[in-house]
Every structure is written in structure tokens, then in C-alpha cells.
């Protein structure tokens, strides 16, 4: 992947990350978590790394904190942001796990 292509993919990820992230901060539900999961899948498909995704999350969340400095419930906002990030990272984790059959369950 060229530096330009990677930059374009990062720009697209950031543009696509912001609306569902903001929606999730407003209302935490399965729809917004599913959007986070799909963002992670898209990042993998584009060849982006987990560090790229975390960097985008940090940049978007930093913008939110700067623009919403007087939030009433910062701990709840941080928790919602963390849940969104965890869901976006889930596809990366799934690629690291070996496929297991029913006989491979740990006891």
C-alpha cells in the first residue's frame, strides 16, 4: 500500500468513524455498536492497523471533548467511548484467534 493510499484510507476511516461515534455517545445501543464493529472490519479490509484505528478514535474523541468541554457526565461519556472502541477493535482480535472447533473448548 502506498503512503497516499494509506492516508486516503485513514481519512476515510476518520470521516466514517465520527457519525456513529457521536451517535453512540448520545445513545448506547446495538445499532451503534454494530457500526463500530463494521468500522473495524472496514479498517482491516483496507489494510489499516489496530494502531491506526486507535489513533482515529483518539483524534475523534479529543475533538468531542474539546467541543463539549462542559459535559455533565464525563465518566459516562468516557465509558461509552471505551465501549465503542472495544467493539471497533473486536474484528482485529478475531483475526488473531485461531479457529476452534467444538472439541477445542477449554475446560
PDB file of N, CA and C in Angstrom:
ATOM      1  N   UNK A   1       0.857  -1.178   0.000  1.00  0.00           N
ATOM      2  CA  UNK A   1       0.000   0.000   0.000  1.00  0.00           C
ATOM      3  C   UNK A   1       0.896   1.232   0.000  1.00  0.00           C
ATOM      4  N   UNK A   2       0.578   2.170  -0.845  1.00  0.00           N
ATOM      5  CA  UNK A   2       1.361   3.396  -0.911  1.00  0.00           C
ATOM      6  C   UNK A   2       0.991   4.311   0.250  1.00  0.00           C
ATOM      7  N   UNK A   3       1.864   5.261   0.525  1.00  0.00           N
ATOM      8  CA  UNK A   3       1.594   6.214   1.601  1.00  0.00           C
ATOM      9  C   UNK A   3       0.333   7.017   1.306  1.00  0.00           C
ATOM     10  N   UNK A   4       0.122   7.342   0.025  1.00  0.00           N
ATOM     11  CA  UNK A   4      -1.074   8.099  -0.353  1.00  0.00           C
ATOM     12  C   UNK A   4      -2.334   7.279  -0.123  1.00  0.00           C
ATOM     13  N   UNK A   5      -2.292   6.005  -0.518  1.00  0.00           N
ATOM     14  CA  UNK A   5      -3.455   5.134  -0.319  1.00  0.00           C
ATOM     15  C   UNK A   5      -3.751   4.966   1.166  1.00  0.00           C
ATOM     16  N   UNK A   6      -2.708   4.769   1.968  1.00  0.00           N
ATOM     17  CA  UNK A   6      -2.902   4.627   3.409  1.00  0.00           C
ATOM     18  C   UNK A   6      -3.485   5.910   3.996  1.00  0.00           C
ATOM     19  N   UNK A   7      -2.993   7.049   3.547  1.00  0.00           N
ATOM     20  CA  UNK A   7      -3.527   8.326   4.018  1.00  0.00           C
ATOM     21  C   UNK A   7      -4.979   8.512   3.642  1.00  0.00           C
ATOM     22  N   UNK A   8      -5.318   8.112   2.412  1.00  0.00           N
ATOM     23  CA  UNK A   8      -6.714   8.188   1.973  1.00  0.00           C
ATOM     24  C   UNK A   8      -7.601   7.281   2.816  1.00  0.00           C
ATOM     25  N   UNK A   9      -7.111   6.071   3.113  1.00  0.00           N
ATOM     26  CA  UNK A   9      -7.884   5.133   3.931  1.00  0.00           C
ATOM     27  C   UNK A   9      -8.069   5.667   5.347  1.00  0.00           C
ATOM     28  N   UNK A  10      -7.028   6.288   5.901  1.00  0.00           N
ATOM     29  CA  UNK A  10      -7.146   6.885   7.236  1.00  0.00           C
ATOM     30  C   UNK A  10      -8.137   8.042   7.244  1.00  0.00           C
ATOM     31  N   UNK A  11      -8.079   8.864   6.217  1.00  0.00           N
ATOM     32  CA  UNK A  11      -9.019   9.984   6.106  1.00  0.00           C
ATOM     33  C   UNK A  11     -10.453   9.463   6.005  1.00  0.00           C
ATOM     34  N   UNK A  12     -10.646   8.439   5.206  1.00  0.00           N
ATOM     35  CA  UNK A  12     -11.983   7.856   5.044  1.00  0.00           C
ATOM     36  C   UNK A  12     -12.453   7.234   6.361  1.00  0.00           C
ATOM     37  N   UNK A  13     -11.546   6.521   7.056  1.00  0.00           N
ATOM     38  CA  UNK A  13     -11.928   5.925   8.338  1.00  0.00           C
ATOM     39  C   UNK A  13     -12.355   7.004   9.321  1.00  0.00           C
ATOM     40  N   UNK A  14     -11.585   8.074   9.393  1.00  0.00           N
ATOM     41  CA  UNK A  14     -11.943   9.153  10.330  1.00  0.00           C
ATOM     42  C   UNK A  14     -13.291   9.776   9.966  1.00  0.00           C
ATOM     43  N   UNK A  15     -13.505  10.001   8.685  1.00  0.00           N
ATOM     44  CA  UNK A  15     -14.777  10.576   8.234  1.00  0.00           C
ATOM     45  C   UNK A  15     -15.941   9.636   8.563  1.00  0.00           C
ATOM     46  N   UNK A  16     -15.730   8.337   8.384  1.00  0.00           N
ATOM     47  CA  UNK A  16     -16.785   7.361   8.640  1.00  0.00           C
ATOM     48  C   UNK A  16     -16.948   7.033  10.119  1.00  0.00           C
ATOM     49  N   UNK A  17     -15.916   7.276  10.907  1.00  0.00           N
ATOM     50  CA  UNK A  17     -15.931   6.962  12.337  1.00  0.00           C
ATOM     51  C   UNK A  17     -16.763   7.967  13.129  1.00  0.00           C
ATOM     52  N   UNK A  18     -16.679   9.212  12.746  1.00  0.00           N
ATOM     53  CA  UNK A  18     -17.274  10.277  13.554  1.00  0.00           C
ATOM     54  C   UNK A  18     -18.789  10.154  13.729  1.00  0.00           C
ATOM     55  N   UNK A  19     -19.599  10.004  12.668  1.00  0.00           N
ATOM     56  CA  UNK A  19     -21.060   9.975  12.887  1.00  0.00           C
ATOM     57  C   UNK A  19     -21.538   8.841  13.806  1.00  0.00           C
ATOM     58  N   UNK A  20     -21.097   7.584  13.604  1.00  0.00           N
ATOM     59  CA  UNK A  20     -21.590   6.558  14.528  1.00  0.00           C
ATOM     60  C   UNK A  20     -21.029   6.711  15.946  1.00  0.00           C
ATOM     61  N   UNK A  21     -19.822   7.260  16.055  1.00  0.00           N
ATOM     62  CA  UNK A  21     -19.259   7.510  17.384  1.00  0.00           C
ATOM     63  C   UNK A  21     -20.107   8.533  18.127  1.00  0.00           C
ATOM     64  N   UNK A  22     -20.445   9.617  17.457  1.00  0.00           N
ATOM     65  CA  UNK A  22     -21.303  10.630  18.085  1.00  0.00           C
ATOM     66  C   UNK A  22     -22.666  10.061  18.429  1.00  0.00           C
ATOM     67  N   UNK A  23     -23.208   9.235  17.541  1.00  0.00           N
ATOM     68  CA  UNK A  23     -24.495   8.589  17.820  1.00  0.00           C
ATOM     69  C   UNK A  23     -24.394   7.704  19.050  1.00  0.00           C
ATOM     70  N   UNK A  24     -23.275   7.000  19.186  1.00  0.00           N
ATOM     71  CA  UNK A  24     -23.104   6.120  20.340  1.00  0.00           C
ATOM     72  C   UNK A  24     -22.986   6.913  21.643  1.00  0.00           C
ATOM     73  N   UNK A  25     -22.317   8.040  21.594  1.00  0.00           N
ATOM     74  CA  UNK A  25     -22.239   8.860  22.802  1.00  0.00           C
ATOM     75  C   UNK A  25     -23.619   9.362  23.226  1.00  0.00           C
ATOM     76  N   UNK A  26     -24.482   9.587  22.251  1.00  0.00           N
ATOM     77  CA  UNK A  26     -25.835  10.076  22.555  1.00  0.00           C
ATOM     78  C   UNK A  26     -26.745   8.960  23.064  1.00  0.00           C
ATOM     79  N   UNK A  27     -26.581   7.760  22.512  1.00  0.00           N
ATOM     80  CA  UNK A  27     -27.419   6.627  22.917  1.00  0.00           C
ATOM     81  C   UNK A  27     -26.659   5.330  22.651  1.00  0.00           C
ATOM     82  N   UNK A  28     -26.336   4.652  23.679  1.00  0.00           N
ATOM     83  CA  UNK A  28     -25.605   3.405  23.529  1.00  0.00           C
ATOM     84  C   UNK A  28     -26.603   2.283  23.242  1.00  0.00           C
ATOM     85  N   UNK A  29     -26.482   1.712  22.039  1.00  0.00           N
ATOM     86  CA  UNK A  29     -27.369   0.607  21.683  1.00  0.00           C
ATOM     87  C   UNK A  29     -26.668  -0.333  20.707  1.00  0.00           C
ATOM     88  N   UNK A  30     -27.339  -1.393  20.358  1.00  0.00           N
ATOM     89  CA  UNK A  30     -26.755  -2.397  19.468  1.00  0.00           C
ATOM     90  C   UNK A  30     -26.457  -1.831  18.081  1.00  0.00           C
ATOM     91  N   UNK A  31     -27.273  -0.897  17.618  1.00  0.00           N
ATOM     92  CA  UNK A  31     -27.053  -0.319  16.293  1.00  0.00           C
ATOM     93  C   UNK A  31     -25.726   0.428  16.230  1.00  0.00           C
ATOM     94  N   UNK A  32     -25.438   1.213  17.250  1.00  0.00           N
ATOM     95  CA  UNK A  32     -24.185   1.972  17.234  1.00  0.00           C
ATOM     96  C   UNK A  32     -22.985   1.055  17.470  1.00  0.00           C
ATOM     97  N   UNK A  33     -23.163   0.023  18.288  1.00  0.00           N
ATOM     98  CA  UNK A  33     -22.071  -0.931  18.488  1.00  0.00           C
ATOM     99  C   UNK A  33     -21.809  -1.740  17.219  1.00  0.00           C
ATOM    100  N   UNK A  34     -22.863  -2.072  16.500  1.00  0.00           N
ATOM    101  CA  UNK A  34     -22.692  -2.782  15.224  1.00  0.00           C
ATOM    102  C   UNK A  34     -21.920  -1.902  14.239  1.00  0.00           C
ATOM    103  N   UNK A  35     -22.206  -0.614  14.236  1.00  0.00           N
ATOM    104  CA  UNK A  35     -21.480   0.318  13.362  1.00  0.00           C
ATOM    105  C   UNK A  35     -19.993   0.332  13.722  1.00  0.00           C
ATOM    106  N   UNK A  36     -19.688   0.298  15.015  1.00  0.00           N
ATOM    107  CA  UNK A  36     -18.286   0.264  15.446  1.00  0.00           C
ATOM    108  C   UNK A  36     -17.611  -1.006  14.948  1.00  0.00           C
ATOM    109  N   UNK A  37     -18.286  -2.114  15.080  1.00  0.00           N
ATOM    110  CA  UNK A  37     -17.741  -3.395  14.620  1.00  0.00           C
ATOM    111  C   UNK A  37     -17.449  -3.346  13.118  1.00  0.00           C
ATOM    112  N   UNK A  38     -18.371  -2.806  12.363  1.00  0.00           N
ATOM    113  CA  UNK A  38     -18.198  -2.701  10.906  1.00  0.00           C
ATOM    114  C   UNK A  38     -17.042  -1.769  10.547  1.00  0.00           C
ATOM    115  N   UNK A  39     -16.849  -0.718  11.330  1.00  0.00           N
ATOM    116  CA  UNK A  39     -15.701   0.165  11.103  1.00  0.00           C
ATOM    117  C   UNK A  39     -14.397  -0.604  11.276  1.00  0.00           C
ATOM    118  N   UNK A  40     -14.334  -1.453  12.281  1.00  0.00           N
ATOM    119  CA  UNK A  40     -13.154  -2.284  12.479  1.00  0.00           C
ATOM    120  C   UNK A  40     -12.925  -3.235  11.314  1.00  0.00           C
ATOM    121  N   UNK A  41     -13.985  -3.849  10.838  1.00  0.00           N
ATOM    122  CA  UNK A  41     -13.871  -4.748   9.679  1.00  0.00           C
ATOM    123  C   UNK A  41     -13.384  -3.996   8.450  1.00  0.00           C
ATOM    124  N   UNK A  42     -13.944  -2.805   8.242  1.00  0.00           N
ATOM    125  CA  UNK A  42     -13.526  -1.988   7.097  1.00  0.00           C
ATOM    126  C   UNK A  42     -12.054  -1.597   7.201  1.00  0.00           C
ATOM    127  N   UNK A  43     -11.616  -1.278   8.411  1.00  0.00           N
ATOM    128  CA  UNK A  43     -10.207  -0.907   8.610  1.00  0.00           C
ATOM    129  C   UNK A  43      -9.294  -2.075   8.243  1.00  0.00           C
ATOM    130  N   UNK A  44      -9.662  -3.268   8.657  1.00  0.00           N
ATOM    131  CA  UNK A  44      -8.877  -4.453   8.313  1.00  0.00           C
ATOM    132  C   UNK A  44      -8.855  -4.650   6.807  1.00  0.00           C
ATOM    133  N   UNK A  45     -10.015  -4.525   6.174  1.00  0.00           N
ATOM    134  CA  UNK A  45     -10.115  -4.721   4.728  1.00  0.00           C
ATOM    135  C   UNK A  45      -9.248  -3.724   3.955  1.00  0.00           C
ATOM    136  N   UNK A  46      -9.064  -2.535   4.519  1.00  0.00           N
ATOM    137  CA  UNK A  46      -8.235  -1.509   3.876  1.00  0.00           C
ATOM    138  C   UNK A  46      -6.756  -1.672   4.203  1.00  0.00           C
ATOM    139  N   UNK A  47      -6.422  -2.623   5.055  1.00  0.00           N
ATOM    140  CA  UNK A  47      -5.031  -2.825   5.422  1.00  0.00           C
ATOM    141  C   UNK A  47      -4.539  -1.910   6.524  1.00  0.00           C
ATOM    142  N   UNK A  48      -5.461  -1.283   7.220  1.00  0.00           N
ATOM    143  CA  UNK A  48      -5.070  -0.426   8.339  1.00  0.00           C
ATOM    144  C   UNK A  48      -4.743  -1.279   9.559  1.00  0.00           C
ATOM    145  N   UNK A  49      -4.007  -0.711  10.483  1.00  0.00           N
ATOM    146  CA  UNK A  49      -3.594  -1.440  11.671  1.00  0.00           C
ATOM    147  C   UNK A  49      -4.457  -1.068  12.869  1.00  0.00           C
ATOM    148  N   UNK A  50      -4.309  -1.848  13.922  1.00  0.00           N
ATOM    149  CA  UNK A  50      -5.006  -1.540  15.158  1.00  0.00           C
ATOM    150  C   UNK A  50      -4.563  -0.176  15.690  1.00  0.00           C
ATOM    151  N   UNK A  51      -3.297   0.156  15.480  1.00  0.00           N
ATOM    152  CA  UNK A  51      -2.806   1.465  15.921  1.00  0.00           C
ATOM    153  C   UNK A  51      -3.446   2.598  15.124  1.00  0.00           C
ATOM    154  N   UNK A  52      -3.676   2.376  13.835  1.00  0.00           N
ATOM    155  CA  UNK A  52      -4.385   3.374  13.030  1.00  0.00           C
ATOM    156  C   UNK A  52      -5.780   3.623  13.594  1.00  0.00           C
ATOM    157  N   UNK A  53      -6.479   2.537  13.917  1.00  0.00           N
ATOM    158  CA  UNK A  53      -7.838   2.666  14.441  1.00  0.00           C
ATOM    159  C   UNK A  53      -7.847   3.390  15.783  1.00  0.00           C
ATOM    160  N   UNK A  54      -6.920   3.042  16.659  1.00  0.00           N
ATOM    161  CA  UNK A  54      -6.842   3.706  17.960  1.00  0.00           C
ATOM    162  C   UNK A  54      -6.512   5.189  17.787  1.00  0.00           C
ATOM    163  N   UNK A  55      -5.641   5.502  16.846  1.00  0.00           N
ATOM    164  CA  UNK A  55      -5.295   6.892  16.589  1.00  0.00           C
ATOM    165  C   UNK A  55      -6.517   7.685  16.110  1.00  0.00           C
ATOM    166  N   UNK A  56      -7.293   7.100  15.222  1.00  0.00           N
ATOM    167  CA  UNK A  56      -8.516   7.768  14.745  1.00  0.00           C
ATOM    168  C   UNK A  56      -9.486   7.960  15.907  1.00  0.00           C
ATOM    169  N   UNK A  57      -9.674   6.921  16.712  1.00  0.00           N
ATOM    170  CA  UNK A  57     -10.580   7.024  17.863  1.00  0.00           C
ATOM    171  C   UNK A  57     -10.138   8.167  18.781  1.00  0.00           C
ATOM    172  N   UNK A  58      -8.853   8.210  19.070  1.00  0.00           N
ATOM    173  CA  UNK A  58      -8.328   9.249  19.956  1.00  0.00           C
ATOM    174  C   UNK A  58      -8.557  10.647  19.371  1.00  0.00           C
ATOM    175  N   UNK A  59      -8.309  10.785  18.084  1.00  0.00           N
ATOM    176  CA  UNK A  59      -8.486  12.095  17.442  1.00  0.00           C
ATOM    177  C   UNK A  59      -9.947  12.539  17.481  1.00  0.00           C
ATOM    178  N   UNK A  60     -10.849  11.616  17.154  1.00  0.00           N
ATOM    179  CA  UNK A  60     -12.283  11.954  17.142  1.00  0.00           C
ATOM    180  C   UNK A  60     -12.764  12.255  18.555  1.00  0.00           C
ATOM    181  N   UNK A  61     -12.374  11.415  19.511  1.00  0.00           N
ATOM    182  CA  UNK A  61     -12.809  11.636  20.888  1.00  0.00           C
ATOM    183  C   UNK A  61     -12.226  12.936  21.447  1.00  0.00           C
ATOM    184  N   UNK A  62     -10.996  13.249  21.099  1.00  0.00           N
ATOM    185  CA  UNK A  62     -10.393  14.515  21.538  1.00  0.00           C
ATOM    186  C   UNK A  62     -11.179  15.705  21.011  1.00  0.00           C
ATOM    187  N   UNK A  63     -11.605  15.636  19.761  1.00  0.00           N
ATOM    188  CA  UNK A  63     -12.433  16.710  19.197  1.00  0.00           C
ATOM    189  C   UNK A  63     -13.727  16.866  19.979  1.00  0.00           C
ATOM    190  N   UNK A  64     -14.346  15.748  20.312  1.00  0.00           N
ATOM    191  CA  UNK A  64     -15.600  15.787  21.072  1.00  0.00           C
ATOM    192  C   UNK A  64     -15.362  16.445  22.430  1.00  0.00           C
ATOM    193  N   UNK A  65     -14.308  16.046  23.103  1.00  0.00           N
ATOM    194  CA  UNK A  65     -14.035  16.614  24.423  1.00  0.00           C
ATOM    195  C   UNK A  65     -13.745  18.111  24.358  1.00  0.00           C
ATOM    196  N   UNK A  66     -13.044  18.526  23.314  1.00  0.00           N
ATOM    197  CA  UNK A  66     -12.768  19.967  23.157  1.00  0.00           C
ATOM    198  C   UNK A  66     -14.049  20.741  22.863  1.00  0.00           C
ATOM    199  N   UNK A  67     -14.910  20.180  22.057  1.00  0.00           N
ATOM    200  CA  UNK A  67     -16.127  20.905  21.667  1.00  0.00           C
ATOM    201  C   UNK A  67     -17.221  20.809  22.725  1.00  0.00           C
ATOM    202  N   UNK A  68     -17.148  19.796  23.592  1.00  0.00           N
ATOM    203  CA  UNK A  68     -18.182  19.589  24.615  1.00  0.00           C
ATOM    204  C   UNK A  68     -17.541  19.649  25.993  1.00  0.00           C
ATOM    205  N   UNK A  69     -16.742  20.687  26.218  1.00  0.00           N
ATOM    206  CA  UNK A  69     -15.992  20.810  27.461  1.00  0.00           C
ATOM    207  C   UNK A  69     -16.840  20.827  28.709  1.00  0.00           C
ATOM    208  N   UNK A  70     -18.086  21.229  28.613  1.00  0.00           N
ATOM    209  CA  UNK A  70     -18.946  21.318  29.793  1.00  0.00           C
ATOM    210  C   UNK A  70     -19.876  20.141  29.947  1.00  0.00           C
ATOM    211  N   UNK A  71     -19.457  18.964  29.496  1.00  0.00           N
ATOM    212  CA  UNK A  71     -20.326  17.799  29.602  1.00  0.00           C
ATOM    213  C   UNK A  71     -20.708  17.535  31.057  1.00  0.00           C
ATOM    214  N   UNK A  72     -21.943  17.149  31.250  1.00  0.00           N
ATOM    215  CA  UNK A  72     -22.450  16.912  32.609  1.00  0.00           C
ATOM    216  C   UNK A  72     -21.949  15.607  33.208  1.00  0.00           C
ATOM    217  N   UNK A  73     -21.729  14.615  32.371  1.00  0.00           N
ATOM    218  CA  UNK A  73     -21.371  13.298  32.892  1.00  0.00           C
ATOM    219  C   UNK A  73     -20.172  12.735  32.139  1.00  0.00           C
ATOM    220  N   UNK A  74     -19.007  13.269  32.448  1.00  0.00           N
ATOM    221  CA  UNK A  74     -17.774  12.840  31.783  1.00  0.00           C
ATOM    222  C   UNK A  74     -17.493  11.349  31.974  1.00  0.00           C
ATOM    223  N   UNK A  75     -17.656  10.776  33.172  1.00  0.00           N
ATOM    224  CA  UNK A  75     -17.401   9.345  33.315  1.00  0.00           C
ATOM    225  C   UNK A  75     -18.272   8.482  32.392  1.00  0.00           C
ATOM    226  N   UNK A  76     -19.534   8.850  32.231  1.00  0.00           N
ATOM    227  CA  UNK A  76     -20.414   8.092  31.339  1.00  0.00           C
ATOM    228  C   UNK A  76     -19.962   8.236  29.890  1.00  0.00           C
ATOM    229  N   UNK A  77     -19.498   9.428  29.514  1.00  0.00           N
ATOM    230  CA  UNK A  77     -19.020   9.645  28.154  1.00  0.00           C
ATOM    231  C   UNK A  77     -17.767   8.812  27.892  1.00  0.00           C
ATOM    232  N   UNK A  78     -16.858   8.798  28.843  1.00  0.00           N
ATOM    233  CA  UNK A  78     -15.627   8.016  28.692  1.00  0.00           C
ATOM    234  C   UNK A  78     -15.957   6.533  28.588  1.00  0.00           C
ATOM    235  N   UNK A  79     -16.884   6.063  29.390  1.00  0.00           N
ATOM    236  CA  UNK A  79     -17.291   4.657  29.344  1.00  0.00           C
ATOM    237  C   UNK A  79     -17.916   4.310  27.991  1.00  0.00           C
ATOM    238  N   UNK A  80     -18.769   5.181  27.477  1.00  0.00           N
ATOM    239  CA  UNK A  80     -19.394   4.947  26.172  1.00  0.00           C
ATOM    240  C   UNK A  80     -18.340   4.939  25.071  1.00  0.00           C
ATOM    241  N   UNK A  81     -17.385   5.853  25.141  1.00  0.00           N
ATOM    242  CA  UNK A  81     -16.314   5.902  24.143  1.00  0.00           C
ATOM    243  C   UNK A  81     -15.476   4.631  24.185  1.00  0.00           C
ATOM    244  N   UNK A  82     -15.194   4.146  25.384  1.00  0.00           N
ATOM    245  CA  UNK A  82     -14.411   2.915  25.528  1.00  0.00           C
ATOM    246  C   UNK A  82     -15.161   1.722  24.960  1.00  0.00           C
ATOM    247  N   UNK A  83     -16.450   1.634  25.205  1.00  0.00           N
ATOM    248  CA  UNK A  83     -17.253   0.528  24.675  1.00  0.00           C
ATOM    249  C   UNK A  83     -17.253   0.539  23.149  1.00  0.00           C
ATOM    250  N   UNK A  84     -17.338   1.719  22.565  1.00  0.00           N
ATOM    251  CA  UNK A  84     -17.319   1.849  21.109  1.00  0.00           C
ATOM    252  C   UNK A  84     -15.971   1.387  20.557  1.00  0.00           C
ATOM    253  N   UNK A  85     -14.888   1.809  21.205  1.00  0.00           N
ATOM    254  CA  UNK A  85     -13.558   1.409  20.760  1.00  0.00           C
ATOM    255  C   UNK A  85     -13.364  -0.098  20.872  1.00  0.00           C
ATOM    256  N   UNK A  86     -13.783  -0.677  21.974  1.00  0.00           N
ATOM    257  CA  UNK A  86     -13.649  -2.129  22.153  1.00  0.00           C
ATOM    258  C   UNK A  86     -14.374  -2.862  21.033  1.00  0.00           C
ATOM    259  N   UNK A  87     -15.544  -2.410  20.698  1.00  0.00           N
ATOM    260  CA  UNK A  87     -16.304  -3.070  19.621  1.00  0.00           C
ATOM    261  C   UNK A  87     -15.616  -2.897  18.278  1.00  0.00           C
ATOM    262  N   UNK A  88     -15.041  -1.718  18.036  1.00  0.00           N
ATOM    263  CA  UNK A  88     -14.309  -1.490  16.778  1.00  0.00           C
ATOM    264  C   UNK A  88     -13.054  -2.355  16.701  1.00  0.00           C
ATOM    265  N   UNK A  89     -12.462  -2.657  17.850  1.00  0.00           N
ATOM    266  CA  UNK A  89     -11.257  -3.483  17.888  1.00  0.00           C
ATOM    267  C   UNK A  89     -11.552  -4.977  17.813  1.00  0.00           C
ATOM    268  N   UNK A  90     -12.767  -5.377  18.076  1.00  0.00           N
ATOM    269  CA  UNK A  90     -13.125  -6.801  18.111  1.00  0.00           C
ATOM    270  C   UNK A  90     -12.728  -7.545  16.835  1.00  0.00           C
ATOM    271  N   UNK A  91     -12.950  -6.983  15.640  1.00  0.00           N
ATOM    272  CA  UNK A  91     -12.531  -7.722  14.440  1.00  0.00           C
ATOM    273  C   UNK A  91     -11.023  -7.971  14.384  1.00  0.00           C
ATOM    274  N   UNK A  92     -10.236  -7.046  14.897  1.00  0.00           N
ATOM    275  CA  UNK A  92      -8.786  -7.249  14.932  1.00  0.00           C
ATOM    276  C   UNK A  92      -8.453  -8.437  15.836  1.00  0.00           C
ATOM    277  N   UNK A  93      -9.113  -8.505  16.970  1.00  0.00           N
ATOM    278  CA  UNK A  93      -8.877  -9.605  17.902  1.00  0.00           C
ATOM    279  C   UNK A  93      -9.294 -10.941  17.280  1.00  0.00           C
ATOM    280  N   UNK A  94     -10.384 -10.914  16.553  1.00  0.00           N
ATOM    281  CA  UNK A  94     -10.861 -12.150  15.927  1.00  0.00           C
ATOM    282  C   UNK A  94      -9.861 -12.681  14.902  1.00  0.00           C
ATOM    283  N   UNK A  95      -9.130 -11.792  14.256  1.00  0.00           N
ATOM    284  CA  UNK A  95      -8.149 -12.255  13.278  1.00  0.00           C
ATOM    285  C   UNK A  95      -6.948 -12.885  13.961  1.00  0.00           C
ATOM    286  N   UNK A  96      -6.754 -12.587  15.222  1.00  0.00           N
ATOM    287  CA  UNK A  96      -5.628 -13.145  15.977  1.00  0.00           C
ATOM    288  C   UNK A  96      -5.940 -14.506  16.581  1.00  0.00           C
ATOM    289  N   UNK A  97      -7.205 -14.809  16.775  1.00  0.00           N
ATOM    290  CA  UNK A  97      -7.607 -16.046  17.427  1.00  0.00           C
ATOM    291  C   UNK A  97      -7.645 -17.190  16.424  1.00  0.00           C
ATOM    292  N   UNK A  98      -7.069 -18.328  16.767  1.00  0.00           N
ATOM    293  CA  UNK A  98      -7.182 -19.481  15.871  1.00  0.00           C
ATOM    294  C   UNK A  98      -8.635 -19.964  15.854  1.00  0.00           C
ATOM    295  N   UNK A  99      -9.035 -20.491  14.722  1.00  0.00           N
ATOM    296  CA  UNK A  99     -10.367 -21.056  14.632  1.00  0.00           C
ATOM    297  C   UNK A  99     -10.420 -22.310  15.500  1.00  0.00           C
ATOM    298  N   UNK A 100     -11.460 -22.435  16.277  1.00  0.00           N
ATOM    299  CA  UNK A 100     -11.604 -23.575  17.174  1.00  0.00           C
ATOM    300  C   UNK A 100     -12.864 -24.336  16.832  1.00  0.00           C
ATOM    301  N   UNK A 101     -12.770 -25.599  16.955  1.00  0.00           N
ATOM    302  CA  UNK A 101     -13.933 -26.457  16.772  1.00  0.00           C
ATOM    303  C   UNK A 101     -14.574 -26.732  18.109  1.00  0.00           C
ATOM    304  N   UNK A 102     -15.701 -27.457  18.106  1.00  0.00           N
ATOM    305  CA  UNK A 102     -16.405 -27.746  19.385  1.00  0.00           C
ATOM    306  C   UNK A 102     -15.575 -28.583  20.341  1.00  0.00           C
ATOM    307  N   UNK A 103     -14.618 -29.367  19.823  1.00  0.00           N
ATOM    308  CA  UNK A 103     -13.780 -30.197  20.684  1.00  0.00           C
ATOM    309  C   UNK A 103     -12.619 -29.435  21.296  1.00  0.00           C
ATOM    310  N   UNK A 104     -12.425 -28.172  20.869  1.00  0.00           N
ATOM    311  CA  UNK A 104     -11.293 -27.373  21.343  1.00  0.00           C
ATOM    312  C   UNK A 104     -11.631 -26.451  22.506  1.00  0.00           C
ATOM    313  N   UNK A 105     -12.820 -26.586  23.066  1.00  0.00           N
ATOM    314  CA  UNK A 105     -13.251 -25.716  24.157  1.00  0.00           C
ATOM    315  C   UNK A 105     -12.416 -26.027  25.391  1.00  0.00           C
ATOM    316  N   UNK A 106     -11.909 -24.955  26.011  1.00  0.00           N
ATOM    317  CA  UNK A 106     -11.116 -25.125  27.229  1.00  0.00           C
ATOM    318  C   UNK A 106     -12.029 -25.431  28.398  1.00  0.00           C
ATOM    319  N   UNK A 107     -11.573 -26.306  29.269  1.00  0.00           N
ATOM    320  CA  UNK A 107     -12.372 -26.634  30.458  1.00  0.00           C
ATOM    321  C   UNK A 107     -11.640 -26.273  31.712  1.00  0.00           C
TER     322      UNK A 107
END
